[in-house]
Amino acid sequence: MADRAVTSTGKDRDGDILSLCNTGHLWSPRSKSDAIYDIENGIHSYYVPWQSGRTEIHVVEGSNGKYLRTDRDNTSKNNLDDLPNC
């Protein structure tokens, strides 16, 4: 299993996450559905990198199906919605 750092996200006009990205890496961009498959099947993990660590990206079951999310903490800088567009 490879750990994949996510530095930007693809979003639709409503701000929903469509893909995870890290420019210059062969896996990027990775569609939401493929990233969900990777995480659920233990193929790859995805995270938002920090100078002092990392924030894991998880699969969450919502009312409209599965989606990707970071855990809530005291900053919004690692929220997938707040990452730059790819």
PDB file of N, CA and C in Angstrom:
ATOM      1  N   MET A   1       0.856  -1.177   0.000  1.00  0.00           N
ATOM      2  CA  MET A   1       0.000   0.000   0.000  1.00  0.00           C
ATOM      3  C   MET A   1       0.896   1.233   0.000  1.00  0.00           C
ATOM      4  N   ALA A   2       0.573   2.156  -0.879  1.00  0.00           N
ATOM      5  CA  ALA A   2       1.310   3.414  -0.959  1.00  0.00           C
ATOM      6  C   ALA A   2       0.511   4.537  -0.305  1.00  0.00           C
ATOM      7  N   ASP A   3       1.218   5.393   0.419  1.00  0.00           N
ATOM      8  CA  ASP A   3       0.612   6.603   0.965  1.00  0.00           C
ATOM      9  C   ASP A   3       0.712   7.693  -0.085  1.00  0.00           C
ATOM     10  N   ARG A   4      -0.400   8.357  -0.367  1.00  0.00           N
ATOM     11  CA  ARG A   4      -0.426   9.389  -1.403  1.00  0.00           C
ATOM     12  C   ARG A   4      -0.798  10.733  -0.792  1.00  0.00           C
ATOM     13  N   ALA A   5       0.116  11.673  -0.920  1.00  0.00           N
ATOM     14  CA  ALA A   5      -0.115  13.025  -0.406  1.00  0.00           C
ATOM     15  C   ALA A   5      -1.015  13.785  -1.374  1.00  0.00           C
ATOM     16  N   VAL A   6      -2.026  14.447  -0.849  1.00  0.00           N
ATOM     17  CA  VAL A   6      -2.981  15.214  -1.651  1.00  0.00           C
ATOM     18  C   VAL A   6      -2.743  16.692  -1.388  1.00  0.00           C
ATOM     19  N   THR A   7      -2.433  17.434  -2.449  1.00  0.00           N
ATOM     20  CA  THR A   7      -2.159  18.865  -2.302  1.00  0.00           C
ATOM     21  C   THR A   7      -3.219  19.748  -2.934  1.00  0.00           C
ATOM     22  N   SER A   8      -4.118  19.138  -3.712  1.00  0.00           N
ATOM     23  CA  SER A   8      -5.208  19.889  -4.336  1.00  0.00           C
ATOM     24  C   SER A   8      -6.351  18.932  -4.647  1.00  0.00           C
ATOM     25  N   THR A   9      -7.515  19.499  -4.933  1.00  0.00           N
ATOM     26  CA  THR A   9      -8.688  18.678  -5.222  1.00  0.00           C
ATOM     27  C   THR A   9      -9.455  19.250  -6.411  1.00  0.00           C
ATOM     28  N   GLY A  10     -10.061  18.359  -7.177  1.00  0.00           N
ATOM     29  CA  GLY A  10     -10.976  18.759  -8.236  1.00  0.00           C
ATOM     30  C   GLY A  10     -12.379  18.821  -7.658  1.00  0.00           C
ATOM     31  N   LYS A  11     -13.099  19.882  -7.964  1.00  0.00           N
ATOM     32  CA  LYS A  11     -14.435  20.086  -7.399  1.00  0.00           C
ATOM     33  C   LYS A  11     -15.416  20.440  -8.498  1.00  0.00           C
ATOM     34  N   ASP A  12     -16.704  20.118  -8.259  1.00  0.00           N
ATOM     35  CA  ASP A  12     -17.729  20.569  -9.192  1.00  0.00           C
ATOM     36  C   ASP A  12     -18.184  21.978  -8.790  1.00  0.00           C
ATOM     37  N   ARG A  13     -19.137  22.523  -9.489  1.00  0.00           N
ATOM     38  CA  ARG A  13     -19.553  23.902  -9.238  1.00  0.00           C
ATOM     39  C   ARG A  13     -20.214  24.088  -7.876  1.00  0.00           C
ATOM     40  N   ASP A  14     -20.657  22.979  -7.267  1.00  0.00           N
ATOM     41  CA  ASP A  14     -21.236  23.033  -5.920  1.00  0.00           C
ATOM     42  C   ASP A  14     -20.181  22.837  -4.834  1.00  0.00           C
ATOM     43  N   GLY A  15     -18.928  22.583  -5.241  1.00  0.00           N
ATOM     44  CA  GLY A  15     -17.848  22.375  -4.289  1.00  0.00           C
ATOM     45  C   GLY A  15     -17.660  20.933  -3.859  1.00  0.00           C
ATOM     46  N   ASP A  16     -18.418  20.008  -4.462  1.00  0.00           N
ATOM     47  CA  ASP A  16     -18.258  18.593  -4.132  1.00  0.00           C
ATOM     48  C   ASP A  16     -16.943  18.068  -4.706  1.00  0.00           C
ATOM     49  N   ILE A  17     -16.230  17.253  -3.943  1.00  0.00           N
ATOM     50  CA  ILE A  17     -14.940  16.712  -4.366  1.00  0.00           C
ATOM     51  C   ILE A  17     -15.143  15.659  -5.448  1.00  0.00           C
ATOM     52  N   LEU A  18     -14.460  15.856  -6.587  1.00  0.00           N
ATOM     53  CA  LEU A  18     -14.527  14.916  -7.707  1.00  0.00           C
ATOM     54  C   LEU A  18     -13.235  14.137  -7.892  1.00  0.00           C
ATOM     55  N   SER A  19     -12.106  14.729  -7.419  1.00  0.00           N
ATOM     56  CA  SER A  19     -10.819  14.060  -7.596  1.00  0.00           C
ATOM     57  C   SER A  19      -9.804  14.572  -6.577  1.00  0.00           C
ATOM     58  N   LEU A  20      -8.788  13.735  -6.346  1.00  0.00           N
ATOM     59  CA  LEU A  20      -7.659  14.084  -5.489  1.00  0.00           C
ATOM     60  C   LEU A  20      -6.439  14.247  -6.375  1.00  0.00           C
ATOM     61  N   CYS A  21      -5.598  15.243  -6.052  1.00  0.00           N
ATOM     62  CA  CYS A  21      -4.480  15.539  -6.942  1.00  0.00           C
ATOM     63  C   CYS A  21      -3.196  15.861  -6.176  1.00  0.00           C
ATOM     64  N   ASN A  22      -2.080  15.623  -6.864  1.00  0.00           N
ATOM     65  CA  ASN A  22      -0.755  16.063  -6.445  1.00  0.00           C
ATOM     66  C   ASN A  22       0.066  16.157  -7.719  1.00  0.00           C
ATOM     67  N   THR A  23       0.178  17.353  -8.241  1.00  0.00           N
ATOM     68  CA  THR A  23       0.825  17.604  -9.523  1.00  0.00           C
ATOM     69  C   THR A  23       2.198  16.946  -9.598  1.00  0.00           C
ATOM     70  N   GLY A  24       2.460  16.289 -10.716  1.00  0.00           N
ATOM     71  CA  GLY A  24       3.746  15.658 -10.952  1.00  0.00           C
ATOM     72  C   GLY A  24       3.810  14.194 -10.571  1.00  0.00           C
ATOM     73  N   HIS A  25       2.756  13.670  -9.960  1.00  0.00           N
ATOM     74  CA  HIS A  25       2.723  12.255  -9.595  1.00  0.00           C
ATOM     75  C   HIS A  25       1.881  11.496 -10.615  1.00  0.00           C
ATOM     76  N   LEU A  26       2.328  10.308 -10.976  1.00  0.00           N
ATOM     77  CA  LEU A  26       1.657   9.539 -12.014  1.00  0.00           C
ATOM     78  C   LEU A  26       0.211   9.193 -11.670  1.00  0.00           C
ATOM     79  N   TRP A  27      -0.128   9.056 -10.397  1.00  0.00           N
ATOM     80  CA  TRP A  27      -1.487   8.685  -9.994  1.00  0.00           C
ATOM     81  C   TRP A  27      -2.454   9.852 -10.085  1.00  0.00           C
ATOM     82  N   SER A  28      -1.940  11.058 -10.180  1.00  0.00           N
ATOM     83  CA  SER A  28      -2.761  12.266 -10.114  1.00  0.00           C
ATOM     84  C   SER A  28      -3.186  12.748 -11.497  1.00  0.00           C
ATOM     85  N   PRO A  29      -4.468  13.124 -11.624  1.00  0.00           N
ATOM     86  CA  PRO A  29      -5.539  13.126 -10.639  1.00  0.00           C
ATOM     87  C   PRO A  29      -6.143  11.726 -10.482  1.00  0.00           C
ATOM     88  N   ARG A  30      -6.690  11.482  -9.302  1.00  0.00           N
ATOM     89  CA  ARG A  30      -7.367  10.222  -8.988  1.00  0.00           C
ATOM     90  C   ARG A  30      -8.830  10.542  -8.728  1.00  0.00           C
ATOM     91  N   SER A  31      -9.731   9.912  -9.470  1.00  0.00           N
ATOM     92  CA  SER A  31     -11.152  10.201  -9.325  1.00  0.00           C
ATOM     93  C   SER A  31     -11.635   9.838  -7.920  1.00  0.00           C
ATOM     94  N   LYS A  32     -12.694  10.478  -7.494  1.00  0.00           N
ATOM     95  CA  LYS A  32     -13.290  10.195  -6.189  1.00  0.00           C
ATOM     96  C   LYS A  32     -13.623   8.711  -6.056  1.00  0.00           C
ATOM     97  N   SER A  33     -14.265   8.147  -7.057  1.00  0.00           N
ATOM     98  CA  SER A  33     -14.666   6.735  -6.971  1.00  0.00           C
ATOM     99  C   SER A  33     -13.451   5.815  -6.884  1.00  0.00           C
ATOM    100  N   ASP A  34     -12.388   6.119  -7.619  1.00  0.00           N
ATOM    101  CA  ASP A  34     -11.184   5.288  -7.556  1.00  0.00           C
ATOM    102  C   ASP A  34     -10.480   5.440  -6.206  1.00  0.00           C
ATOM    103  N   ALA A  35     -10.444   6.663  -5.664  1.00  0.00           N
ATOM    104  CA  ALA A  35      -9.831   6.887  -4.354  1.00  0.00           C
ATOM    105  C   ALA A  35     -10.617   6.164  -3.266  1.00  0.00           C
ATOM    106  N   ILE A  36     -11.941   6.199  -3.342  1.00  0.00           N
ATOM    107  CA  ILE A  36     -12.780   5.474  -2.380  1.00  0.00           C
ATOM    108  C   ILE A  36     -12.474   3.977  -2.458  1.00  0.00           C
ATOM    109  N   TYR A  37     -12.392   3.443  -3.660  1.00  0.00           N
ATOM    110  CA  TYR A  37     -12.058   2.028  -3.846  1.00  0.00           C
ATOM    111  C   TYR A  37     -10.695   1.714  -3.230  1.00  0.00           C
ATOM    112  N   ASP A  38      -9.699   2.572  -3.519  1.00  0.00           N
ATOM    113  CA  ASP A  38      -8.344   2.367  -2.982  1.00  0.00           C
ATOM    114  C   ASP A  38      -8.347   2.310  -1.460  1.00  0.00           C
ATOM    115  N   ILE A  39      -9.039   3.247  -0.822  1.00  0.00           N
ATOM    116  CA  ILE A  39      -9.059   3.329   0.641  1.00  0.00           C
ATOM    117  C   ILE A  39      -9.805   2.134   1.234  1.00  0.00           C
ATOM    118  N   GLU A  40     -10.977   1.859   0.713  1.00  0.00           N
ATOM    119  CA  GLU A  40     -11.798   0.770   1.270  1.00  0.00           C
ATOM    120  C   GLU A  40     -11.153  -0.605   1.114  1.00  0.00           C
ATOM    121  N   ASN A  41     -10.349  -0.777   0.091  1.00  0.00           N
ATOM    122  CA  ASN A  41      -9.718  -2.068  -0.166  1.00  0.00           C
ATOM    123  C   ASN A  41      -8.260  -2.127   0.281  1.00  0.00           C
ATOM    124  N   GLY A  42      -7.792  -1.099   0.984  1.00  0.00           N
ATOM    125  CA  GLY A  42      -6.436  -1.096   1.518  1.00  0.00           C
ATOM    126  C   GLY A  42      -5.360  -1.038   0.458  1.00  0.00           C
ATOM    127  N   ILE A  43      -5.685  -0.507  -0.713  1.00  0.00           N
ATOM    128  CA  ILE A  43      -4.715  -0.431  -1.808  1.00  0.00           C
ATOM    129  C   ILE A  43      -3.787   0.761  -1.627  1.00  0.00           C
ATOM    130  N   HIS A  44      -4.352   1.927  -1.326  1.00  0.00           N
ATOM    131  CA  HIS A  44      -3.589   3.150  -1.078  1.00  0.00           C
ATOM    132  C   HIS A  44      -4.272   3.938   0.018  1.00  0.00           C
ATOM    133  N   SER A  45      -3.496   4.737   0.744  1.00  0.00           N
ATOM    134  CA  SER A  45      -4.076   5.708   1.661  1.00  0.00           C
ATOM    135  C   SER A  45      -3.806   7.092   1.079  1.00  0.00           C
ATOM    136  N   TYR A  46      -4.642   8.038   1.440  1.00  0.00           N
ATOM    137  CA  TYR A  46      -4.517   9.419   0.981  1.00  0.00           C
ATOM    138  C   TYR A  46      -4.517  10.323   2.200  1.00  0.00           C
ATOM    139  N   TYR A  47      -3.709  11.384   2.135  1.00  0.00           N
ATOM    140  CA  TYR A  47      -3.600  12.288   3.266  1.00  0.00           C
ATOM    141  C   TYR A  47      -3.233  13.695   2.787  1.00  0.00           C
ATOM    142  N   VAL A  48      -3.513  14.677   3.644  1.00  0.00           N
ATOM    143  CA  VAL A  48      -3.088  16.047   3.402  1.00  0.00           C
ATOM    144  C   VAL A  48      -1.824  16.251   4.227  1.00  0.00           C
ATOM    145  N   PRO A  49      -0.677  16.581   3.584  1.00  0.00           N
ATOM    146  CA  PRO A  49       0.584  16.722   4.320  1.00  0.00           C
ATOM    147  C   PRO A  49       0.686  18.064   5.055  1.00  0.00           C
ATOM    148  N   TRP A  50       1.393  18.020   6.180  1.00  0.00           N
ATOM    149  CA  TRP A  50       1.684  19.196   6.997  1.00  0.00           C
ATOM    150  C   TRP A  50       3.164  19.195   7.316  1.00  0.00           C
ATOM    151  N   GLN A  51       3.684  20.348   7.683  1.00  0.00           N
ATOM    152  CA  GLN A  51       5.084  20.414   8.110  1.00  0.00           C
ATOM    153  C   GLN A  51       5.317  19.533   9.325  1.00  0.00           C
ATOM    154  N   SER A  52       4.309  19.441  10.191  1.00  0.00           N
ATOM    155  CA  SER A  52       4.465  18.675  11.430  1.00  0.00           C
ATOM    156  C   SER A  52       3.705  17.345  11.412  1.00  0.00           C
ATOM    157  N   GLY A  53       3.250  16.911  10.259  1.00  0.00           N
ATOM    158  CA  GLY A  53       2.528  15.650  10.208  1.00  0.00           C
ATOM    159  C   GLY A  53       1.612  15.542   9.006  1.00  0.00           C
ATOM    160  N   ARG A  54       0.447  14.938   9.247  1.00  0.00           N
ATOM    161  CA  ARG A  54      -0.471  14.697   8.143  1.00  0.00           C
ATOM    162  C   ARG A  54      -1.887  14.509   8.675  1.00  0.00           C
ATOM    163  N   THR A  55      -2.860  14.735   7.797  1.00  0.00           N
ATOM    164  CA  THR A  55      -4.263  14.519   8.122  1.00  0.00           C
ATOM    165  C   THR A  55      -4.807  13.487   7.152  1.00  0.00           C
ATOM    166  N   GLU A  56      -5.290  12.374   7.683  1.00  0.00           N
ATOM    167  CA  GLU A  56      -5.785  11.275   6.862  1.00  0.00           C
ATOM    168  C   GLU A  56      -7.099  11.639   6.169  1.00  0.00           C
ATOM    169  N   ILE A  57      -7.281  11.097   4.970  1.00  0.00           N
ATOM    170  CA  ILE A  57      -8.538  11.226   4.227  1.00  0.00           C
ATOM    171  C   ILE A  57      -9.300   9.915   4.398  1.00  0.00           C
ATOM    172  N   HIS A  58     -10.574  10.026   4.766  1.00  0.00           N
ATOM    173  CA  HIS A  58     -11.417   8.872   5.042  1.00  0.00           C
ATOM    174  C   HIS A  58     -12.606   8.826   4.094  1.00  0.00           C
ATOM    175  N   VAL A  59     -13.200   7.642   3.992  1.00  0.00           N
ATOM    176  CA  VAL A  59     -14.453   7.454   3.263  1.00  0.00           C
ATOM    177  C   VAL A  59     -15.586   7.536   4.287  1.00  0.00           C
ATOM    178  N   VAL A  60     -16.594   8.335   3.951  1.00  0.00           N
ATOM    179  CA  VAL A  60     -17.743   8.521   4.833  1.00  0.00           C
ATOM    180  C   VAL A  60     -19.004   8.192   4.040  1.00  0.00           C
ATOM    181  N   GLU A  61     -19.953   7.531   4.702  1.00  0.00           N
ATOM    182  CA  GLU A  61     -21.244   7.228   4.076  1.00  0.00           C
ATOM    183  C   GLU A  61     -22.207   8.361   4.414  1.00  0.00           C
ATOM    184  N   GLY A  62     -22.660   9.076   3.387  1.00  0.00           N
ATOM    185  CA  GLY A  62     -23.605  10.167   3.576  1.00  0.00           C
ATOM    186  C   GLY A  62     -24.973   9.814   3.031  1.00  0.00           C
ATOM    187  N   SER A  63     -25.885  10.735   3.137  1.00  0.00           N
ATOM    188  CA  SER A  63     -27.248  10.486   2.660  1.00  0.00           C
ATOM    189  C   SER A  63     -27.311  10.335   1.139  1.00  0.00           C
ATOM    190  N   ASN A  64     -26.313  10.880   0.447  1.00  0.00           N
ATOM    191  CA  ASN A  64     -26.266  10.777  -1.016  1.00  0.00           C
ATOM    192  C   ASN A  64     -25.177   9.824  -1.495  1.00  0.00           C
ATOM    193  N   GLY A  65     -24.703   8.945  -0.617  1.00  0.00           N
ATOM    194  CA  GLY A  65     -23.662   8.003  -0.996  1.00  0.00           C
ATOM    195  C   GLY A  65     -22.341   8.298  -0.314  1.00  0.00           C
ATOM    196  N   LYS A  66     -21.311   7.612  -0.746  1.00  0.00           N
ATOM    197  CA  LYS A  66     -19.988   7.738  -0.141  1.00  0.00           C
ATOM    198  C   LYS A  66     -19.289   8.994  -0.634  1.00  0.00           C
ATOM    199  N   TYR A  67     -18.476   9.580   0.280  1.00  0.00           N
ATOM    200  CA  TYR A  67     -17.665  10.731  -0.092  1.00  0.00           C
ATOM    201  C   TYR A  67     -16.376  10.720   0.710  1.00  0.00           C
ATOM    202  N   LEU A  68     -15.451  11.608   0.344  1.00  0.00           N
ATOM    203  CA  LEU A  68     -14.144  11.697   0.987  1.00  0.00           C
ATOM    204  C   LEU A  68     -14.124  12.873   1.945  1.00  0.00           C
ATOM    205  N   ARG A  69     -13.446  12.681   3.104  1.00  0.00           N
ATOM    206  CA  ARG A  69     -13.411  13.738   4.104  1.00  0.00           C
ATOM    207  C   ARG A  69     -12.185  13.571   4.990  1.00  0.00           C
ATOM    208  N   THR A  70     -11.663  14.686   5.494  1.00  0.00           N
ATOM    209  CA  THR A  70     -10.663  14.655   6.554  1.00  0.00           C
ATOM    210  C   THR A  70     -11.406  14.770   7.885  1.00  0.00           C
ATOM    211  N   ASP A  71     -10.754  14.366   8.958  1.00  0.00           N
ATOM    212  CA  ASP A  71     -11.358  14.501  10.286  1.00  0.00           C
ATOM    213  C   ASP A  71     -11.411  15.970  10.689  1.00  0.00           C
ATOM    214  N   ARG A  72     -12.420  16.321  11.446  1.00  0.00           N
ATOM    215  CA  ARG A  72     -12.537  17.685  11.964  1.00  0.00           C
ATOM    216  C   ARG A  72     -11.432  17.934  12.979  1.00  0.00           C
ATOM    217  N   ASP A  73     -10.851  19.119  12.884  1.00  0.00           N
ATOM    218  CA  ASP A  73      -9.859  19.535  13.864  1.00  0.00           C
ATOM    219  C   ASP A  73      -9.934  21.053  13.998  1.00  0.00           C
ATOM    220  N   ASN A  74      -8.910  21.668  14.573  1.00  0.00           N
ATOM    221  CA  ASN A  74      -8.965  23.096  14.860  1.00  0.00           C
ATOM    222  C   ASN A  74      -8.513  23.991  13.707  1.00  0.00           C
ATOM    223  N   THR A  75      -8.378  23.452  12.511  1.00  0.00           N
ATOM    224  CA  THR A  75      -7.996  24.261  11.350  1.00  0.00           C
ATOM    225  C   THR A  75      -8.796  23.832  10.126  1.00  0.00           C
ATOM    226  N   SER A  76      -8.975  24.765   9.209  1.00  0.00           N
ATOM    227  CA  SER A  76      -9.652  24.428   7.955  1.00  0.00           C
ATOM    228  C   SER A  76      -8.648  24.242   6.819  1.00  0.00           C
ATOM    229  N   LYS A  77      -7.355  24.430   7.093  1.00  0.00           N
ATOM    230  CA  LYS A  77      -6.339  24.357   6.042  1.00  0.00           C
ATOM    231  C   LYS A  77      -6.178  22.959   5.459  1.00  0.00           C
ATOM    232  N   ASN A  78      -6.643  21.938   6.179  1.00  0.00           N
ATOM    233  CA  ASN A  78      -6.527  20.573   5.664  1.00  0.00           C
ATOM    234  C   ASN A  78      -7.862  20.038   5.163  1.00  0.00           C
ATOM    235  N   ASN A  79      -8.896  20.865   5.159  1.00  0.00           N
ATOM    236  CA  ASN A  79     -10.191  20.457   4.606  1.00  0.00           C
ATOM    237  C   ASN A  79     -10.067  20.289   3.106  1.00  0.00           C
ATOM    238  N   LEU A  80     -10.607  19.224   2.570  1.00  0.00           N
ATOM    239  CA  LEU A  80     -10.495  18.985   1.133  1.00  0.00           C
ATOM    240  C   LEU A  80     -11.133  20.115   0.326  1.00  0.00           C
ATOM    241  N   ASP A  81     -12.226  20.680   0.837  1.00  0.00           N
ATOM    242  CA  ASP A  81     -12.885  21.794   0.142  1.00  0.00           C
ATOM    243  C   ASP A  81     -11.992  23.023   0.054  1.00  0.00           C
ATOM    244  N   ASP A  82     -11.097  23.203   1.021  1.00  0.00           N
ATOM    245  CA  ASP A  82     -10.270  24.401   1.083  1.00  0.00           C
ATOM    246  C   ASP A  82      -8.931  24.268   0.358  1.00  0.00           C
ATOM    247  N   LEU A  83      -8.602  23.064  -0.112  1.00  0.00           N
ATOM    248  CA  LEU A  83      -7.366  22.900  -0.879  1.00  0.00           C
ATOM    249  C   LEU A  83      -7.518  23.564  -2.244  1.00  0.00           C
ATOM    250  N   PRO A  84      -6.411  23.982  -2.850  1.00  0.00           N
ATOM    251  CA  PRO A  84      -6.500  24.589  -4.190  1.00  0.00           C
ATOM    252  C   PRO A  84      -7.110  23.625  -5.203  1.00  0.00           C
ATOM    253  N   ASN A  85      -7.671  24.166  -6.259  1.00  0.00           N
ATOM    254  CA  ASN A  85      -8.227  23.351  -7.339  1.00  0.00           C
ATOM    255  C   ASN A  85      -7.121  22.741  -8.186  1.00  0.00           C
ATOM    256  N   CYS A  86      -7.396  21.532  -8.684  1.00  0.00           N
ATOM    257  CA  CYS A  86      -6.441  20.906  -9.601  1.00  0.00           C
ATOM    258  C   CYS A  86      -7.057  20.761 -10.979  1.00  0.00           C
TER     259      CYS A  86
END
